[in-house]
Amino acid sequence: MFLVGITGGIASGKSTTANIFKHNQIPVIDADVFARLIVQPGQQAWKEIYDAFGNEVFFEDGHKFVALDIPLLFETGTLLPFLHKIITVSCDQKIQMERLMKRNGYNEEEAKQRIVSQMPLSEKCYRSHFVIDNSATTDETRKQVEKIVSHLQASKHHIQVRIYLGICLTIFCGLCGLFSFLGYKLFTYRS
């Protein structure tokens, strides 16, 4: 399995895009949901995720890829090395402002401040493999997402990931075996 990042600006339509991925049977992990869950005092991150969601977030069926909904993907940069492809959801700034004011009850100045506090959408688009223009109808957005899903489903990158992991596991097991053998020989030599 490989990872695909979904990002964009505030009120650009990431949730709409993530829902279309889910509708196409693509697992989507929302970083905001996990960020709120793993910072609960006194809990370990894995235990919290398992306790909160059970096995449904630990996929046993090895999908080809999983989409990660990460609003501040470029700003934090932490997960960039692990992502095979990056998708930015973009929209016209006027539409973005209108959505943000309606959704959060901001006035025009508050909405503008929120938007300019993030990396410009144009920069995110430039740094992405795919861009979804979410300025029009949901149906048009759906068509763009489904085209990207088809492209990603056709990818053979998950095979490369499995080969790489297989090689790493083989090397690790070989080294463990070698060290065990050397430890045994050293122990029996001293005895």
N, C-alpha and C. Protein backbone atom coordinates (compact mmCIF):
# COMPACT_ATOMS: atom_id res chain seq x y z
N MET A 1 0.85 -1.17 0.00
CA MET A 1 0.00 0.00 0.00
C MET A 1 0.90 1.23 0.00
N PHE A 2 0.47 2.29 -0.70
CA PHE A 2 1.18 3.55 -0.65
C PHE A 2 0.24 4.64 -0.14
N LEU A 3 0.83 5.76 0.22
CA LEU A 3 0.07 6.84 0.83
C LEU A 3 -0.07 8.01 -0.13
N VAL A 4 -1.25 8.61 -0.12
CA VAL A 4 -1.56 9.78 -0.94
C VAL A 4 -2.04 10.87 0.00
N GLY A 5 -1.46 12.05 -0.09
CA GLY A 5 -1.86 13.15 0.76
C GLY A 5 -2.87 14.04 0.08
N ILE A 6 -3.90 14.44 0.82
CA ILE A 6 -4.88 15.41 0.34
C ILE A 6 -4.71 16.65 1.21
N THR A 7 -4.49 17.79 0.57
CA THR A 7 -4.31 19.02 1.32
C THR A 7 -5.01 20.15 0.56
N GLY A 8 -4.90 21.34 1.08
CA GLY A 8 -5.51 22.50 0.47
C GLY A 8 -5.63 23.59 1.51
N GLY A 9 -6.22 24.68 1.12
CA GLY A 9 -6.39 25.79 2.05
C GLY A 9 -7.67 25.61 2.86
N ILE A 10 -7.81 26.46 3.85
CA ILE A 10 -9.02 26.44 4.66
C ILE A 10 -10.22 26.72 3.76
N ALA A 11 -11.27 25.93 3.90
CA ALA A 11 -12.52 26.08 3.15
C ALA A 11 -12.35 25.91 1.65
N SER A 12 -11.31 25.15 1.22
CA SER A 12 -11.11 24.93 -0.21
C SER A 12 -11.87 23.72 -0.73
N GLY A 13 -12.34 22.86 0.18
CA GLY A 13 -13.12 21.70 -0.23
C GLY A 13 -12.45 20.37 0.01
N LYS A 14 -11.52 20.32 0.97
CA LYS A 14 -10.84 19.05 1.28
C LYS A 14 -11.82 18.00 1.77
N SER A 15 -12.77 18.40 2.60
CA SER A 15 -13.74 17.43 3.14
C SER A 15 -14.61 16.86 2.03
N THR A 16 -15.03 17.71 1.11
CA THR A 16 -15.82 17.24 -0.03
C THR A 16 -15.03 16.23 -0.84
N THR A 17 -13.76 16.56 -1.10
CA THR A 17 -12.89 15.66 -1.85
C THR A 17 -12.67 14.35 -1.10
N ALA A 18 -12.41 14.44 0.21
CA ALA A 18 -12.21 13.23 1.02
C ALA A 18 -13.46 12.35 0.99
N ASN A 19 -14.63 12.96 1.05
CA ASN A 19 -15.88 12.18 1.00
C ASN A 19 -16.05 11.49 -0.34
N ILE A 20 -15.61 12.12 -1.42
CA ILE A 20 -15.69 11.47 -2.74
C ILE A 20 -14.73 10.28 -2.79
N PHE A 21 -13.54 10.43 -2.20
CA PHE A 21 -12.62 9.29 -2.11
C PHE A 21 -13.27 8.14 -1.35
N LYS A 22 -13.89 8.46 -0.21
CA LYS A 22 -14.57 7.43 0.59
C LYS A 22 -15.68 6.75 -0.21
N HIS A 23 -16.42 7.56 -0.96
CA HIS A 23 -17.50 7.02 -1.80
C HIS A 23 -16.96 6.05 -2.84
N ASN A 24 -15.70 6.24 -3.25
CA ASN A 24 -15.04 5.35 -4.21
C ASN A 24 -14.27 4.23 -3.52
N GLN A 25 -14.63 3.95 -2.26
CA GLN A 25 -14.05 2.85 -1.48
C GLN A 25 -12.56 3.01 -1.19
N ILE A 26 -12.08 4.26 -1.14
CA ILE A 26 -10.70 4.54 -0.80
C ILE A 26 -10.65 4.93 0.68
N PRO A 27 -9.87 4.22 1.48
CA PRO A 27 -9.77 4.60 2.89
C PRO A 27 -9.17 6.00 3.02
N VAL A 28 -9.78 6.82 3.84
CA VAL A 28 -9.30 8.18 4.10
C VAL A 28 -9.09 8.34 5.59
N ILE A 29 -7.92 8.80 5.95
CA ILE A 29 -7.61 9.06 7.34
C ILE A 29 -7.51 10.56 7.51
N ASP A 30 -8.35 11.13 8.35
CA ASP A 30 -8.41 12.57 8.58
C ASP A 30 -7.44 12.93 9.70
N ALA A 31 -6.38 13.64 9.36
CA ALA A 31 -5.34 13.99 10.33
C ALA A 31 -5.90 14.83 11.47
N ASP A 32 -6.87 15.70 11.19
CA ASP A 32 -7.44 16.53 12.25
C ASP A 32 -8.13 15.69 13.32
N VAL A 33 -8.83 14.66 12.88
CA VAL A 33 -9.51 13.78 13.84
C VAL A 33 -8.48 13.09 14.72
N PHE A 34 -7.43 12.55 14.10
CA PHE A 34 -6.41 11.85 14.87
C PHE A 34 -5.63 12.80 15.76
N ALA A 35 -5.36 14.01 15.27
CA ALA A 35 -4.63 14.98 16.09
C ALA A 35 -5.38 15.28 17.37
N ARG A 36 -6.69 15.38 17.29
CA ARG A 36 -7.48 15.65 18.50
C ARG A 36 -7.50 14.43 19.41
N LEU A 37 -7.48 13.25 18.85
CA LEU A 37 -7.59 12.04 19.67
C LEU A 37 -6.30 11.67 20.37
N ILE A 38 -5.16 11.84 19.70
CA ILE A 38 -3.91 11.33 20.28
C ILE A 38 -3.31 12.25 21.32
N VAL A 39 -3.85 13.45 21.49
CA VAL A 39 -3.29 14.35 22.49
C VAL A 39 -4.05 14.32 23.81
N GLN A 40 -4.94 13.38 23.99
CA GLN A 40 -5.65 13.26 25.25
C GLN A 40 -4.65 12.93 26.36
N PRO A 41 -4.72 13.61 27.49
CA PRO A 41 -3.76 13.40 28.58
C PRO A 41 -3.79 11.96 29.12
N GLY A 42 -2.59 11.44 29.36
CA GLY A 42 -2.45 10.15 30.00
C GLY A 42 -2.67 8.93 29.12
N GLN A 43 -2.79 9.10 27.83
CA GLN A 43 -3.04 7.96 26.93
C GLN A 43 -1.91 7.81 25.93
N GLN A 44 -1.67 6.59 25.51
CA GLN A 44 -0.69 6.33 24.45
C GLN A 44 -1.40 6.44 23.11
N ALA A 45 -0.70 6.97 22.11
CA ALA A 45 -1.32 7.24 20.81
C ALA A 45 -1.94 5.98 20.20
N TRP A 46 -1.20 4.92 20.14
CA TRP A 46 -1.74 3.71 19.50
C TRP A 46 -2.96 3.19 20.24
N LYS A 47 -2.87 3.16 21.56
CA LYS A 47 -3.99 2.67 22.37
C LYS A 47 -5.23 3.54 22.16
N GLU A 48 -5.03 4.85 22.11
CA GLU A 48 -6.17 5.74 21.89
C GLU A 48 -6.82 5.48 20.53
N ILE A 49 -5.99 5.34 19.51
CA ILE A 49 -6.54 5.09 18.17
C ILE A 49 -7.30 3.77 18.17
N TYR A 50 -6.70 2.75 18.75
CA TYR A 50 -7.35 1.45 18.79
C TYR A 50 -8.63 1.49 19.61
N ASP A 51 -8.57 2.12 20.79
CA ASP A 51 -9.75 2.21 21.66
C ASP A 51 -10.87 3.02 21.01
N ALA A 52 -10.50 4.10 20.33
CA ALA A 52 -11.51 4.98 19.73
C ALA A 52 -12.15 4.40 18.48
N PHE A 53 -11.35 3.71 17.66
CA PHE A 53 -11.84 3.28 16.35
C PHE A 53 -11.85 1.77 16.15
N GLY A 54 -11.24 1.04 17.08
CA GLY A 54 -11.18 -0.41 16.91
C GLY A 54 -10.33 -0.78 15.71
N ASN A 55 -10.64 -1.92 15.14
CA ASN A 55 -9.85 -2.42 14.02
C ASN A 55 -10.11 -1.71 12.70
N GLU A 56 -11.16 -0.88 12.63
CA GLU A 56 -11.51 -0.29 11.34
C GLU A 56 -10.45 0.64 10.78
N VAL A 57 -9.52 1.14 11.59
CA VAL A 57 -8.43 1.96 11.05
C VAL A 57 -7.17 1.14 10.79
N PHE A 58 -7.16 -0.10 11.20
CA PHE A 58 -6.04 -1.00 10.92
C PHE A 58 -6.48 -1.94 9.80
N PHE A 59 -6.23 -1.52 8.58
CA PHE A 59 -6.76 -2.22 7.41
C PHE A 59 -6.06 -3.55 7.21
N GLU A 60 -6.85 -4.63 7.18
CA GLU A 60 -6.31 -5.97 6.97
C GLU A 60 -6.31 -6.35 5.50
N ASP A 61 -7.08 -5.66 4.68
CA ASP A 61 -7.21 -6.06 3.29
C ASP A 61 -6.21 -5.29 2.38
N GLY A 62 -5.26 -4.67 2.84
CA GLY A 62 -4.17 -4.19 1.96
C GLY A 62 -4.63 -3.45 0.74
N HIS A 63 -5.45 -2.37 0.88
CA HIS A 63 -5.81 -1.52 -0.24
C HIS A 63 -4.53 -1.09 -0.96
N LYS A 64 -4.64 -0.75 -2.25
CA LYS A 64 -3.47 -0.28 -2.98
C LYS A 64 -2.92 1.01 -2.37
N PHE A 65 -3.83 1.87 -1.94
CA PHE A 65 -3.39 3.11 -1.32
C PHE A 65 -4.41 3.61 -0.32
N VAL A 66 -3.93 4.47 0.55
CA VAL A 66 -4.76 5.13 1.55
C VAL A 66 -4.55 6.62 1.38
N ALA A 67 -5.63 7.38 1.44
CA ALA A 67 -5.54 8.84 1.35
C ALA A 67 -5.50 9.44 2.75
N LEU A 68 -4.59 10.33 2.96
CA LEU A 68 -4.46 11.03 4.23
C LEU A 68 -4.91 12.47 4.03
N ASP A 69 -5.94 12.88 4.75
CA ASP A 69 -6.48 14.24 4.68
C ASP A 69 -5.70 15.08 5.69
N ILE A 70 -4.74 15.88 5.19
CA ILE A 70 -3.84 16.62 6.07
C ILE A 70 -3.84 18.09 5.65
N PRO A 71 -4.65 18.91 6.31
CA PRO A 71 -4.75 20.32 5.92
C PRO A 71 -3.41 21.07 5.88
N LEU A 72 -2.55 20.85 6.84
CA LEU A 72 -1.27 21.58 6.91
C LEU A 72 -0.09 20.70 6.48
N LEU A 73 -0.30 19.91 5.46
CA LEU A 73 0.72 18.96 4.99
C LEU A 73 2.04 19.66 4.66
N PHE A 74 1.98 20.69 3.84
CA PHE A 74 3.21 21.38 3.46
C PHE A 74 3.77 22.22 4.59
N GLU A 75 2.90 22.81 5.39
CA GLU A 75 3.36 23.66 6.48
C GLU A 75 4.18 22.87 7.50
N THR A 76 3.73 21.66 7.83
CA THR A 76 4.47 20.85 8.81
C THR A 76 5.59 20.08 8.14
N GLY A 77 5.35 19.54 6.96
CA GLY A 77 6.37 18.82 6.20
C GLY A 77 6.71 17.44 6.73
N THR A 78 6.17 17.05 7.85
CA THR A 78 6.55 15.80 8.52
C THR A 78 6.29 14.56 7.67
N LEU A 79 5.14 14.50 7.04
CA LEU A 79 4.78 13.29 6.30
C LEU A 79 5.16 13.31 4.82
N LEU A 80 5.68 14.41 4.33
CA LEU A 80 6.01 14.52 2.91
C LEU A 80 6.89 13.38 2.39
N PRO A 81 7.93 12.95 3.13
CA PRO A 81 8.78 11.87 2.61
C PRO A 81 8.07 10.52 2.46
N PHE A 82 6.94 10.35 3.11
CA PHE A 82 6.25 9.08 3.10
C PHE A 82 5.13 9.00 2.06
N LEU A 83 4.86 10.10 1.39
CA LEU A 83 3.74 10.15 0.46
C LEU A 83 4.21 9.89 -0.97
N HIS A 84 3.46 9.06 -1.65
CA HIS A 84 3.76 8.76 -3.05
C HIS A 84 3.25 9.87 -3.96
N LYS A 85 2.06 10.36 -3.69
CA LYS A 85 1.46 11.44 -4.48
C LYS A 85 0.79 12.43 -3.53
N ILE A 86 0.70 13.68 -3.98
CA ILE A 86 0.04 14.72 -3.20
C ILE A 86 -1.02 15.38 -4.07
N ILE A 87 -2.19 15.53 -3.48
CA ILE A 87 -3.33 16.16 -4.16
C ILE A 87 -3.67 17.43 -3.38
N THR A 88 -3.75 18.55 -4.09
CA THR A 88 -4.20 19.79 -3.45
C THR A 88 -5.57 20.14 -3.97
N VAL A 89 -6.46 20.45 -3.05
CA VAL A 89 -7.80 20.90 -3.39
C VAL A 89 -7.76 22.42 -3.36
N SER A 90 -8.15 23.02 -4.45
CA SER A 90 -8.07 24.46 -4.59
C SER A 90 -9.41 25.02 -5.03
N CYS A 91 -9.58 26.30 -4.85
CA CYS A 91 -10.77 26.98 -5.36
C CYS A 91 -10.45 28.46 -5.49
N ASP A 92 -11.32 29.16 -6.15
CA ASP A 92 -11.19 30.60 -6.31
C ASP A 92 -11.20 31.25 -4.93
N GLN A 93 -10.35 32.28 -4.72
CA GLN A 93 -10.24 32.89 -3.39
C GLN A 93 -11.56 33.51 -2.93
N LYS A 94 -12.33 34.05 -3.86
CA LYS A 94 -13.62 34.63 -3.49
C LYS A 94 -14.56 33.55 -2.96
N ILE A 95 -14.57 32.41 -3.61
CA ILE A 95 -15.40 31.28 -3.16
C ILE A 95 -14.90 30.79 -1.80
N GLN A 96 -13.58 30.71 -1.65
CA GLN A 96 -12.99 30.28 -0.38
C GLN A 96 -13.43 31.21 0.76
N MET A 97 -13.38 32.51 0.50
CA MET A 97 -13.81 33.48 1.52
C MET A 97 -15.29 33.29 1.86
N GLU A 98 -16.14 33.15 0.84
CA GLU A 98 -17.57 32.97 1.08
C GLU A 98 -17.85 31.71 1.89
N ARG A 99 -17.20 30.63 1.54
CA ARG A 99 -17.38 29.36 2.27
C ARG A 99 -16.96 29.50 3.72
N LEU A 100 -15.81 30.13 3.93
CA LEU A 100 -15.29 30.27 5.28
C LEU A 100 -16.19 31.16 6.13
N MET A 101 -16.68 32.25 5.56
CA MET A 101 -17.57 33.14 6.32
C MET A 101 -18.87 32.42 6.66
N LYS A 102 -19.40 31.66 5.71
CA LYS A 102 -20.66 30.94 5.95
C LYS A 102 -20.45 29.81 6.97
N ARG A 103 -19.39 29.03 6.77
CA ARG A 103 -19.13 27.86 7.63
C ARG A 103 -18.79 28.25 9.06
N ASN A 104 -17.93 29.27 9.23
CA ASN A 104 -17.43 29.60 10.56
C ASN A 104 -18.04 30.87 11.15
N GLY A 105 -18.87 31.54 10.39
CA GLY A 105 -19.49 32.75 10.88
C GLY A 105 -18.53 33.93 10.97
N TYR A 106 -17.45 33.90 10.20
CA TYR A 106 -16.48 34.99 10.21
C TYR A 106 -16.98 36.16 9.38
N ASN A 107 -16.51 37.36 9.76
CA ASN A 107 -16.72 38.49 8.87
C ASN A 107 -15.62 38.45 7.80
N GLU A 108 -15.67 39.36 6.86
CA GLU A 108 -14.72 39.32 5.74
C GLU A 108 -13.27 39.45 6.20
N GLU A 109 -13.00 40.32 7.14
CA GLU A 109 -11.63 40.52 7.63
C GLU A 109 -11.11 39.28 8.36
N GLU A 110 -11.95 38.67 9.20
CA GLU A 110 -11.54 37.45 9.92
C GLU A 110 -11.24 36.32 8.93
N ALA A 111 -12.09 36.18 7.92
CA ALA A 111 -11.88 35.13 6.92
C ALA A 111 -10.58 35.36 6.16
N LYS A 112 -10.35 36.62 5.78
CA LYS A 112 -9.13 36.96 5.04
C LYS A 112 -7.89 36.64 5.88
N GLN A 113 -7.93 36.97 7.17
CA GLN A 113 -6.80 36.69 8.06
C GLN A 113 -6.52 35.19 8.17
N ARG A 114 -7.56 34.40 8.26
CA ARG A 114 -7.38 32.94 8.32
C ARG A 114 -6.74 32.41 7.04
N ILE A 115 -7.19 32.91 5.91
CA ILE A 115 -6.67 32.43 4.63
C ILE A 115 -5.20 32.83 4.45
N VAL A 116 -4.85 34.07 4.75
CA VAL A 116 -3.47 34.52 4.55
C VAL A 116 -2.50 33.94 5.59
N SER A 117 -3.04 33.39 6.67
CA SER A 117 -2.16 32.77 7.67
C SER A 117 -1.61 31.42 7.21
N GLN A 118 -2.18 30.88 6.14
CA GLN A 118 -1.73 29.60 5.61
C GLN A 118 -0.88 29.82 4.35
N MET A 119 -0.15 28.78 3.99
CA MET A 119 0.62 28.83 2.75
C MET A 119 -0.35 29.09 1.59
N PRO A 120 0.02 29.94 0.65
CA PRO A 120 -0.89 30.22 -0.47
C PRO A 120 -1.25 28.95 -1.25
N LEU A 121 -2.50 28.87 -1.65
CA LEU A 121 -2.95 27.71 -2.43
C LEU A 121 -2.12 27.55 -3.70
N SER A 122 -1.71 28.64 -4.31
CA SER A 122 -0.91 28.55 -5.54
C SER A 122 0.39 27.80 -5.28
N GLU A 123 1.01 28.02 -4.11
CA GLU A 123 2.25 27.31 -3.76
C GLU A 123 1.98 25.82 -3.52
N LYS A 124 0.88 25.53 -2.84
CA LYS A 124 0.51 24.13 -2.61
C LYS A 124 0.24 23.42 -3.93
N CYS A 125 -0.45 24.09 -4.83
CA CYS A 125 -0.75 23.51 -6.14
C CYS A 125 0.54 23.22 -6.91
N TYR A 126 1.47 24.16 -6.86
CA TYR A 126 2.75 24.01 -7.55
C TYR A 126 3.52 22.79 -7.03
N ARG A 127 3.43 22.53 -5.75
CA ARG A 127 4.19 21.44 -5.12
C ARG A 127 3.46 20.10 -5.15
N SER A 128 2.30 20.04 -5.78
CA SER A 128 1.48 18.82 -5.79
C SER A 128 1.57 18.07 -7.12
N HIS A 129 1.22 16.80 -7.06
CA HIS A 129 1.15 15.97 -8.27
C HIS A 129 -0.17 16.16 -9.00
N PHE A 130 -1.22 16.39 -8.23
CA PHE A 130 -2.56 16.59 -8.78
C PHE A 130 -3.20 17.80 -8.10
N VAL A 131 -4.03 18.52 -8.87
CA VAL A 131 -4.79 19.63 -8.31
C VAL A 131 -6.25 19.43 -8.68
N ILE A 132 -7.10 19.55 -7.67
CA ILE A 132 -8.55 19.48 -7.88
C ILE A 132 -9.09 20.89 -7.72
N ASP A 133 -9.73 21.40 -8.78
CA ASP A 133 -10.34 22.72 -8.71
C ASP A 133 -11.76 22.54 -8.20
N ASN A 134 -11.98 22.98 -6.98
CA ASN A 134 -13.28 22.82 -6.34
C ASN A 134 -14.07 24.13 -6.35
N SER A 135 -13.95 24.89 -7.44
CA SER A 135 -14.64 26.17 -7.55
C SER A 135 -16.05 26.03 -8.09
N ALA A 136 -16.35 24.91 -8.72
CA ALA A 136 -17.65 24.76 -9.37
C ALA A 136 -18.54 23.81 -8.58
N THR A 137 -19.25 22.95 -9.28
CA THR A 137 -20.22 22.07 -8.63
C THR A 137 -19.55 20.84 -8.02
N THR A 138 -20.25 20.22 -7.11
CA THR A 138 -19.76 18.98 -6.51
C THR A 138 -19.60 17.90 -7.58
N ASP A 139 -20.49 17.89 -8.57
CA ASP A 139 -20.39 16.90 -9.65
C ASP A 139 -19.10 17.07 -10.45
N GLU A 140 -18.72 18.30 -10.71
CA GLU A 140 -17.45 18.54 -11.42
C GLU A 140 -16.26 18.13 -10.56
N THR A 141 -16.34 18.40 -9.28
CA THR A 141 -15.27 17.96 -8.36
C THR A 141 -15.20 16.45 -8.34
N ARG A 142 -16.36 15.80 -8.28
CA ARG A 142 -16.41 14.34 -8.27
C ARG A 142 -15.72 13.76 -9.51
N LYS A 143 -15.95 14.34 -10.67
CA LYS A 143 -15.33 13.85 -11.91
C LYS A 143 -13.81 13.95 -11.83
N GLN A 144 -13.30 15.07 -11.29
CA GLN A 144 -11.86 15.23 -11.15
C GLN A 144 -11.27 14.20 -10.20
N VAL A 145 -11.96 14.00 -9.07
CA VAL A 145 -11.48 13.03 -8.08
C VAL A 145 -11.49 11.62 -8.66
N GLU A 146 -12.56 11.26 -9.34
CA GLU A 146 -12.66 9.91 -9.90
C GLU A 146 -11.59 9.66 -10.97
N LYS A 147 -11.21 10.70 -11.71
CA LYS A 147 -10.12 10.56 -12.68
C LYS A 147 -8.80 10.28 -11.96
N ILE A 148 -8.56 11.00 -10.87
CA ILE A 148 -7.35 10.78 -10.08
C ILE A 148 -7.37 9.40 -9.43
N VAL A 149 -8.52 9.00 -8.89
CA VAL A 149 -8.65 7.67 -8.28
C VAL A 149 -8.32 6.59 -9.31
N SER A 150 -8.84 6.74 -10.53
CA SER A 150 -8.54 5.76 -11.59
C SER A 150 -7.05 5.70 -11.88
N HIS A 151 -6.43 6.85 -11.93
CA HIS A 151 -4.98 6.89 -12.18
C HIS A 151 -4.22 6.18 -11.05
N LEU A 152 -4.59 6.47 -9.80
CA LEU A 152 -3.91 5.86 -8.66
C LEU A 152 -4.18 4.37 -8.57
N GLN A 153 -5.41 3.95 -8.90
CA GLN A 153 -5.74 2.52 -8.88
C GLN A 153 -4.91 1.76 -9.91
N ALA A 154 -4.59 2.41 -11.02
CA ALA A 154 -3.79 1.76 -12.07
C ALA A 154 -2.31 1.70 -11.72
N SER A 155 -1.90 2.45 -10.72
CA SER A 155 -0.49 2.50 -10.33
C SER A 155 -0.02 1.16 -9.81
N LYS A 156 1.22 0.85 -10.07
CA LYS A 156 1.84 -0.37 -9.54
C LYS A 156 2.81 -0.05 -8.40
N HIS A 157 2.72 1.16 -7.88
CA HIS A 157 3.65 1.57 -6.83
C HIS A 157 3.55 0.70 -5.58
N HIS A 158 2.36 0.18 -5.29
CA HIS A 158 2.23 -0.67 -4.10
C HIS A 158 3.10 -1.92 -4.21
N ILE A 159 3.36 -2.37 -5.44
CA ILE A 159 4.24 -3.53 -5.63
C ILE A 159 5.67 -3.14 -5.26
N GLN A 160 6.10 -1.95 -5.69
CA GLN A 160 7.44 -1.47 -5.32
C GLN A 160 7.58 -1.36 -3.81
N VAL A 161 6.55 -0.87 -3.15
CA VAL A 161 6.58 -0.72 -1.70
C VAL A 161 6.74 -2.10 -1.05
N ARG A 162 5.96 -3.07 -1.54
CA ARG A 162 6.04 -4.42 -0.97
C ARG A 162 7.41 -5.04 -1.21
N ILE A 163 7.98 -4.85 -2.39
CA ILE A 163 9.32 -5.38 -2.68
C ILE A 163 10.35 -4.73 -1.76
N TYR A 164 10.27 -3.41 -1.63
CA TYR A 164 11.19 -2.69 -0.75
C TYR A 164 11.08 -3.20 0.69
N LEU A 165 9.85 -3.33 1.18
CA LEU A 165 9.66 -3.83 2.55
C LEU A 165 10.15 -5.27 2.68
N GLY A 166 9.92 -6.07 1.64
CA GLY A 166 10.41 -7.45 1.65
C GLY A 166 11.93 -7.52 1.72
N ILE A 167 12.59 -6.68 0.93
CA ILE A 167 14.05 -6.62 0.96
C ILE A 167 14.54 -6.18 2.33
N CYS A 168 13.92 -5.13 2.89
CA CYS A 168 14.31 -4.65 4.22
C CYS A 168 14.12 -5.73 5.28
N LEU A 169 12.99 -6.43 5.20
CA LEU A 169 12.72 -7.50 6.16
C LEU A 169 13.73 -8.63 6.01
N THR A 170 14.07 -8.99 4.78
CA THR A 170 15.06 -10.04 4.53
C THR A 170 16.42 -9.65 5.10
N ILE A 171 16.83 -8.41 4.84
CA ILE A 171 18.12 -7.93 5.37
C ILE A 171 18.09 -7.93 6.89
N PHE A 172 17.00 -7.43 7.47
CA PHE A 172 16.88 -7.39 8.93
C PHE A 172 16.97 -8.80 9.52
N CYS A 173 16.21 -9.74 8.94
CA CYS A 173 16.23 -11.12 9.44
C CYS A 173 17.61 -11.74 9.27
N GLY A 174 18.24 -11.46 8.14
CA GLY A 174 19.59 -11.97 7.90
C GLY A 174 20.57 -11.45 8.92
N LEU A 175 20.49 -10.15 9.21
CA LEU A 175 21.39 -9.57 10.21
C LEU A 175 21.11 -10.13 11.60
N CYS A 176 19.84 -10.31 11.92
CA CYS A 176 19.49 -10.91 13.22
C CYS A 176 20.06 -12.32 13.32
N GLY A 177 19.91 -13.07 12.24
CA GLY A 177 20.45 -14.43 12.23
C GLY A 177 21.96 -14.44 12.36
N LEU A 178 22.62 -13.52 11.63
CA LEU A 178 24.08 -13.43 11.69
C LEU A 178 24.53 -13.07 13.10
N PHE A 179 23.90 -12.08 13.71
CA PHE A 179 24.28 -11.69 15.08
C PHE A 179 23.99 -12.80 16.08
N SER A 180 22.90 -13.52 15.89
CA SER A 180 22.60 -14.65 16.78
C SER A 180 23.67 -15.72 16.64
N PHE A 181 24.05 -16.01 15.40
CA PHE A 181 25.08 -17.02 15.14
C PHE A 181 26.41 -16.59 15.75
N LEU A 182 26.79 -15.33 15.52
CA LEU A 182 28.05 -14.83 16.07
C LEU A 182 28.01 -14.82 17.60
N GLY A 183 26.86 -14.43 18.16
CA GLY A 183 26.72 -14.44 19.62
C GLY A 183 26.84 -15.86 20.17
N TYR A 184 26.23 -16.82 19.49
CA TYR A 184 26.30 -18.21 19.91
C TYR A 184 27.74 -18.70 19.85
N LYS A 185 28.42 -18.41 18.72
CA LYS A 185 29.82 -18.85 18.56
C LYS A 185 30.71 -18.21 19.62
N LEU A 186 30.50 -16.93 19.89
CA LEU A 186 31.30 -16.25 20.90
C LEU A 186 31.03 -16.83 22.29
N PHE A 187 29.79 -17.13 22.59
CA PHE A 187 29.44 -17.71 23.87
C PHE A 187 30.04 -19.09 24.02
N THR A 188 29.92 -19.93 22.97
CA THR A 188 30.47 -21.31 23.06
C THR A 188 31.99 -21.29 23.03
N TYR A 189 32.63 -20.33 22.38
CA TYR A 189 34.07 -20.21 22.33
C TYR A 189 34.63 -19.87 23.71
N ARG A 190 33.92 -19.01 24.42
CA ARG A 190 34.37 -18.61 25.77
C ARG A 190 34.12 -19.69 26.81
N SER A 191 33.17 -20.56 26.54
CA SER A 191 32.83 -21.59 27.51
C SER A 191 33.75 -22.71 27.40
